[in-house]
Amino acid sequence: MALFRSLGDPTRLAILHRLAHGEARVVDLTAQLGMAQSTVSKHLACLRDCGLVDYRVEGRQSFYAFTRPELLDLLRSAESVLAATGSAVALCPVYGDPARVRA
């Protein structure tokens, strides 16, 4: 379940979606995602600790990438399931967004 908890954060998912298109530096991620460097670095550290991403050093730059290509398959499958279930998951009274359930 720790895997899904690590994937449950919108910032980490945004980073992973970007890395699905190829490796990136922190500066690339901050510019493309519109997030602070400290935020991106913190979430990359979490993803590294989980073994989902790693980096390689080239000169003074670090390039981040997926360590497990299977993660792309998992993310694609999750998106397919969510597309098929519509808003049922988001509106679930047990697991969905409480703000959306009350609306």
N, C-alpha and C. Protein backbone atom coordinates (compact mmCIF):
# COMPACT_ATOMS: atom_id res chain seq x y z
N MET A 1 0.80 -1.20 0.00
CA MET A 1 0.00 0.00 0.00
C MET A 1 0.85 1.27 0.00
N ALA A 2 2.09 1.18 0.46
CA ALA A 2 2.95 2.36 0.46
C ALA A 2 3.16 2.87 -0.97
N LEU A 3 3.19 1.95 -1.93
CA LEU A 3 3.33 2.37 -3.32
C LEU A 3 2.19 3.30 -3.72
N PHE A 4 0.97 2.90 -3.41
CA PHE A 4 -0.17 3.71 -3.81
C PHE A 4 -0.25 5.00 -3.01
N ARG A 5 0.22 4.97 -1.78
CA ARG A 5 0.27 6.21 -0.99
C ARG A 5 1.26 7.17 -1.63
N SER A 6 2.39 6.65 -2.10
CA SER A 6 3.38 7.52 -2.73
C SER A 6 2.86 8.09 -4.04
N LEU A 7 1.99 7.35 -4.71
CA LEU A 7 1.41 7.81 -5.97
C LEU A 7 0.17 8.68 -5.76
N GLY A 8 -0.30 8.76 -4.51
CA GLY A 8 -1.52 9.48 -4.23
C GLY A 8 -1.39 10.99 -4.14
N ASP A 9 -0.19 11.49 -4.16
CA ASP A 9 0.02 12.93 -4.07
C ASP A 9 0.00 13.56 -5.46
N PRO A 10 -0.81 14.60 -5.68
CA PRO A 10 -0.90 15.22 -7.00
C PRO A 10 0.43 15.75 -7.54
N THR A 11 1.28 16.26 -6.66
CA THR A 11 2.58 16.77 -7.11
C THR A 11 3.46 15.63 -7.60
N ARG A 12 3.50 14.53 -6.87
CA ARG A 12 4.31 13.39 -7.31
C ARG A 12 3.76 12.81 -8.61
N LEU A 13 2.44 12.77 -8.75
CA LEU A 13 1.87 12.28 -10.00
C LEU A 13 2.24 13.20 -11.16
N ALA A 14 2.22 14.50 -10.94
CA ALA A 14 2.61 15.44 -12.00
C ALA A 14 4.06 15.22 -12.40
N ILE A 15 4.91 15.01 -11.43
CA ILE A 15 6.32 14.75 -11.72
C ILE A 15 6.46 13.45 -12.52
N LEU A 16 5.76 12.42 -12.10
CA LEU A 16 5.83 11.14 -12.81
C LEU A 16 5.29 11.25 -14.23
N HIS A 17 4.20 11.99 -14.39
CA HIS A 17 3.66 12.18 -15.75
C HIS A 17 4.69 12.88 -16.63
N ARG A 18 5.40 13.85 -16.09
CA ARG A 18 6.43 14.53 -16.88
C ARG A 18 7.58 13.58 -17.20
N LEU A 19 8.00 12.78 -16.21
CA LEU A 19 9.11 11.84 -16.44
C LEU A 19 8.71 10.71 -17.38
N ALA A 20 7.43 10.50 -17.57
CA ALA A 20 6.97 9.49 -18.54
C ALA A 20 7.42 9.86 -19.95
N HIS A 21 7.70 11.14 -20.17
CA HIS A 21 8.14 11.60 -21.49
C HIS A 21 9.65 11.62 -21.63
N GLY A 22 10.36 11.23 -20.57
CA GLY A 22 11.81 11.19 -20.61
C GLY A 22 12.41 11.88 -19.39
N GLU A 23 13.70 11.69 -19.25
CA GLU A 23 14.37 12.23 -18.07
C GLU A 23 14.32 13.76 -18.05
N ALA A 24 14.47 14.30 -16.83
CA ALA A 24 14.40 15.75 -16.67
C ALA A 24 15.24 16.17 -15.47
N ARG A 25 15.69 17.41 -15.52
CA ARG A 25 16.40 18.01 -14.39
C ARG A 25 15.38 18.70 -13.49
N VAL A 26 15.79 19.01 -12.27
CA VAL A 26 14.89 19.72 -11.36
C VAL A 26 14.46 21.04 -11.97
N VAL A 27 15.38 21.74 -12.60
CA VAL A 27 15.05 23.03 -13.21
C VAL A 27 14.00 22.85 -14.31
N ASP A 28 14.06 21.77 -15.06
CA ASP A 28 13.06 21.49 -16.09
C ASP A 28 11.68 21.27 -15.45
N LEU A 29 11.68 20.47 -14.39
CA LEU A 29 10.43 20.14 -13.70
C LEU A 29 9.80 21.38 -13.07
N THR A 30 10.61 22.22 -12.45
CA THR A 30 10.05 23.42 -11.82
C THR A 30 9.44 24.34 -12.87
N ALA A 31 10.11 24.49 -14.00
CA ALA A 31 9.59 25.36 -15.06
C ALA A 31 8.33 24.79 -15.69
N GLN A 32 8.33 23.50 -15.98
CA GLN A 32 7.19 22.89 -16.66
C GLN A 32 5.99 22.70 -15.76
N LEU A 33 6.21 22.48 -14.47
CA LEU A 33 5.11 22.23 -13.56
C LEU A 33 4.71 23.47 -12.77
N GLY A 34 5.51 24.53 -12.88
CA GLY A 34 5.19 25.77 -12.16
C GLY A 34 5.26 25.62 -10.65
N MET A 35 6.22 24.85 -10.19
CA MET A 35 6.38 24.60 -8.76
C MET A 35 7.73 25.11 -8.29
N ALA A 36 7.82 25.33 -6.99
CA ALA A 36 9.08 25.78 -6.41
C ALA A 36 10.10 24.66 -6.45
N GLN A 37 11.37 25.05 -6.54
CA GLN A 37 12.45 24.06 -6.58
C GLN A 37 12.44 23.18 -5.34
N SER A 38 12.18 23.78 -4.18
CA SER A 38 12.18 22.99 -2.94
C SER A 38 11.06 21.96 -2.93
N THR A 39 9.91 22.31 -3.50
CA THR A 39 8.79 21.37 -3.57
C THR A 39 9.13 20.21 -4.48
N VAL A 40 9.65 20.50 -5.66
CA VAL A 40 10.02 19.45 -6.60
C VAL A 40 11.10 18.55 -6.00
N SER A 41 12.10 19.14 -5.40
CA SER A 41 13.19 18.36 -4.81
C SER A 41 12.68 17.45 -3.70
N LYS A 42 11.78 17.95 -2.87
CA LYS A 42 11.21 17.16 -1.78
C LYS A 42 10.46 15.94 -2.32
N HIS A 43 9.67 16.16 -3.35
CA HIS A 43 8.89 15.06 -3.91
C HIS A 43 9.77 14.09 -4.70
N LEU A 44 10.80 14.58 -5.36
CA LEU A 44 11.74 13.68 -6.02
C LEU A 44 12.45 12.81 -5.00
N ALA A 45 12.79 13.37 -3.85
CA ALA A 45 13.44 12.59 -2.79
C ALA A 45 12.52 11.48 -2.32
N CYS A 46 11.24 11.78 -2.18
CA CYS A 46 10.27 10.76 -1.79
C CYS A 46 10.20 9.65 -2.84
N LEU A 47 10.11 10.04 -4.10
CA LEU A 47 10.03 9.05 -5.18
C LEU A 47 11.31 8.23 -5.27
N ARG A 48 12.44 8.85 -4.98
CA ARG A 48 13.71 8.10 -4.95
C ARG A 48 13.73 7.13 -3.78
N ASP A 49 13.28 7.57 -2.62
CA ASP A 49 13.23 6.70 -1.45
C ASP A 49 12.35 5.47 -1.70
N CYS A 50 11.31 5.66 -2.49
CA CYS A 50 10.40 4.56 -2.84
C CYS A 50 10.98 3.67 -3.94
N GLY A 51 12.08 4.11 -4.55
CA GLY A 51 12.69 3.33 -5.62
C GLY A 51 11.99 3.48 -6.97
N LEU A 52 11.17 4.53 -7.11
CA LEU A 52 10.42 4.73 -8.35
C LEU A 52 11.19 5.56 -9.37
N VAL A 53 12.04 6.46 -8.89
CA VAL A 53 12.88 7.26 -9.79
C VAL A 53 14.30 7.26 -9.24
N ASP A 54 15.23 7.57 -10.11
CA ASP A 54 16.62 7.75 -9.71
C ASP A 54 17.20 8.82 -10.63
N TYR A 55 18.45 9.13 -10.42
CA TYR A 55 19.06 10.17 -11.25
C TYR A 55 20.46 9.74 -11.67
N ARG A 56 20.89 10.40 -12.73
CA ARG A 56 22.27 10.23 -13.18
C ARG A 56 22.88 11.62 -13.24
N VAL A 57 24.16 11.68 -12.95
CA VAL A 57 24.87 12.96 -12.94
C VAL A 57 25.63 13.10 -14.24
N GLU A 58 25.51 14.29 -14.82
CA GLU A 58 26.27 14.65 -16.02
C GLU A 58 26.82 16.05 -15.78
N GLY A 59 28.11 16.10 -15.52
CA GLY A 59 28.71 17.39 -15.15
C GLY A 59 28.17 17.84 -13.82
N ARG A 60 27.57 19.02 -13.81
CA ARG A 60 26.97 19.54 -12.58
C ARG A 60 25.46 19.38 -12.54
N GLN A 61 24.94 18.60 -13.47
CA GLN A 61 23.49 18.45 -13.57
C GLN A 61 23.08 17.02 -13.22
N SER A 62 21.88 16.92 -12.64
CA SER A 62 21.30 15.61 -12.33
C SER A 62 20.05 15.43 -13.18
N PHE A 63 19.96 14.29 -13.85
CA PHE A 63 18.83 13.97 -14.70
C PHE A 63 18.03 12.85 -14.06
N TYR A 64 16.74 13.12 -13.79
CA TYR A 64 15.86 12.15 -13.13
C TYR A 64 15.08 11.35 -14.16
N ALA A 65 14.84 10.07 -13.83
CA ALA A 65 14.10 9.19 -14.73
C ALA A 65 13.48 8.06 -13.91
N PHE A 66 12.54 7.36 -14.52
CA PHE A 66 11.93 6.18 -13.91
C PHE A 66 12.99 5.10 -13.71
N THR A 67 12.88 4.38 -12.61
CA THR A 67 13.72 3.20 -12.42
C THR A 67 12.98 1.94 -12.84
N ARG A 68 11.67 2.00 -12.82
CA ARG A 68 10.84 0.85 -13.14
C ARG A 68 9.90 1.20 -14.29
N PRO A 69 10.19 0.75 -15.50
CA PRO A 69 9.31 1.05 -16.63
C PRO A 69 7.88 0.53 -16.42
N GLU A 70 7.74 -0.50 -15.57
CA GLU A 70 6.41 -1.04 -15.29
C GLU A 70 5.49 0.01 -14.66
N LEU A 71 6.09 1.01 -14.03
CA LEU A 71 5.30 2.06 -13.41
C LEU A 71 4.46 2.79 -14.45
N LEU A 72 5.00 2.96 -15.65
CA LEU A 72 4.23 3.59 -16.73
C LEU A 72 2.98 2.77 -17.04
N ASP A 73 3.13 1.44 -17.08
CA ASP A 73 1.98 0.58 -17.33
C ASP A 73 0.94 0.72 -16.23
N LEU A 74 1.40 0.79 -14.98
CA LEU A 74 0.49 0.95 -13.85
C LEU A 74 -0.28 2.26 -13.95
N LEU A 75 0.41 3.34 -14.25
CA LEU A 75 -0.24 4.64 -14.37
C LEU A 75 -1.23 4.66 -15.53
N ARG A 76 -0.87 4.07 -16.65
CA ARG A 76 -1.80 4.00 -17.79
C ARG A 76 -3.03 3.17 -17.44
N SER A 77 -2.82 2.06 -16.76
CA SER A 77 -3.95 1.21 -16.35
C SER A 77 -4.87 1.96 -15.39
N ALA A 78 -4.28 2.68 -14.44
CA ALA A 78 -5.09 3.45 -13.49
C ALA A 78 -5.92 4.51 -14.21
N GLU A 79 -5.32 5.17 -15.18
CA GLU A 79 -6.06 6.18 -15.94
C GLU A 79 -7.20 5.55 -16.73
N SER A 80 -6.98 4.35 -17.26
CA SER A 80 -8.04 3.64 -17.98
C SER A 80 -9.20 3.28 -17.05
N VAL A 81 -8.87 2.79 -15.87
CA VAL A 81 -9.91 2.44 -14.90
C VAL A 81 -10.69 3.68 -14.49
N LEU A 82 -9.98 4.78 -14.23
CA LEU A 82 -10.67 6.00 -13.85
C LEU A 82 -11.56 6.53 -14.98
N ALA A 83 -11.09 6.41 -16.21
CA ALA A 83 -11.90 6.84 -17.35
C ALA A 83 -13.16 5.98 -17.47
N ALA A 84 -13.03 4.70 -17.19
CA ALA A 84 -14.17 3.78 -17.31
C ALA A 84 -15.18 3.95 -16.17
N THR A 85 -14.72 4.34 -15.00
CA THR A 85 -15.63 4.46 -13.86
C THR A 85 -16.20 5.86 -13.72
N GLY A 86 -15.77 6.77 -14.56
CA GLY A 86 -16.28 8.13 -14.50
C GLY A 86 -15.97 8.77 -13.17
N SER A 87 -16.95 9.42 -12.58
CA SER A 87 -16.72 10.12 -11.32
C SER A 87 -17.01 9.24 -10.11
N ALA A 88 -17.30 7.96 -10.30
CA ALA A 88 -17.65 7.08 -9.18
C ALA A 88 -16.55 7.02 -8.13
N VAL A 89 -15.29 6.97 -8.55
CA VAL A 89 -14.20 6.92 -7.59
C VAL A 89 -14.07 8.24 -6.85
N ALA A 90 -14.13 9.34 -7.57
CA ALA A 90 -13.99 10.66 -6.95
C ALA A 90 -15.14 10.94 -5.99
N LEU A 91 -16.31 10.41 -6.26
CA LEU A 91 -17.47 10.67 -5.42
C LEU A 91 -17.69 9.60 -4.35
N CYS A 92 -16.85 8.61 -4.31
CA CYS A 92 -16.98 7.53 -3.32
C CYS A 92 -16.99 8.12 -1.91
N PRO A 93 -18.00 7.82 -1.11
CA PRO A 93 -18.07 8.40 0.22
C PRO A 93 -16.97 7.91 1.17
N VAL A 94 -16.35 6.80 0.85
CA VAL A 94 -15.29 6.26 1.71
C VAL A 94 -13.91 6.75 1.27
N TYR A 95 -13.64 6.74 -0.04
CA TYR A 95 -12.30 7.05 -0.54
C TYR A 95 -12.20 8.32 -1.37
N GLY A 96 -13.31 8.89 -1.75
CA GLY A 96 -13.28 10.06 -2.62
C GLY A 96 -12.94 11.33 -1.89
N ASP A 97 -12.96 12.41 -2.61
CA ASP A 97 -12.68 13.74 -2.08
C ASP A 97 -13.91 14.21 -1.29
N PRO A 98 -13.77 14.41 0.03
CA PRO A 98 -14.92 14.79 0.86
C PRO A 98 -15.59 16.07 0.37
N ALA A 99 -14.86 17.01 -0.17
CA ALA A 99 -15.44 18.25 -0.66
C ALA A 99 -16.36 17.98 -1.84
N ARG A 100 -15.99 17.04 -2.68
CA ARG A 100 -16.81 16.71 -3.84
C ARG A 100 -18.05 15.93 -3.43
N VAL A 101 -17.94 15.11 -2.40
CA VAL A 101 -19.08 14.32 -1.95
C VAL A 101 -20.17 15.23 -1.40
N ARG A 102 -19.76 16.28 -0.66
CA ARG A 102 -20.75 17.20 -0.07
C ARG A 102 -21.38 18.10 -1.12
N ALA A 103 -20.70 18.33 -2.22
CA ALA A 103 -21.18 19.27 -3.23
C ALA A 103 -22.41 18.77 -3.95
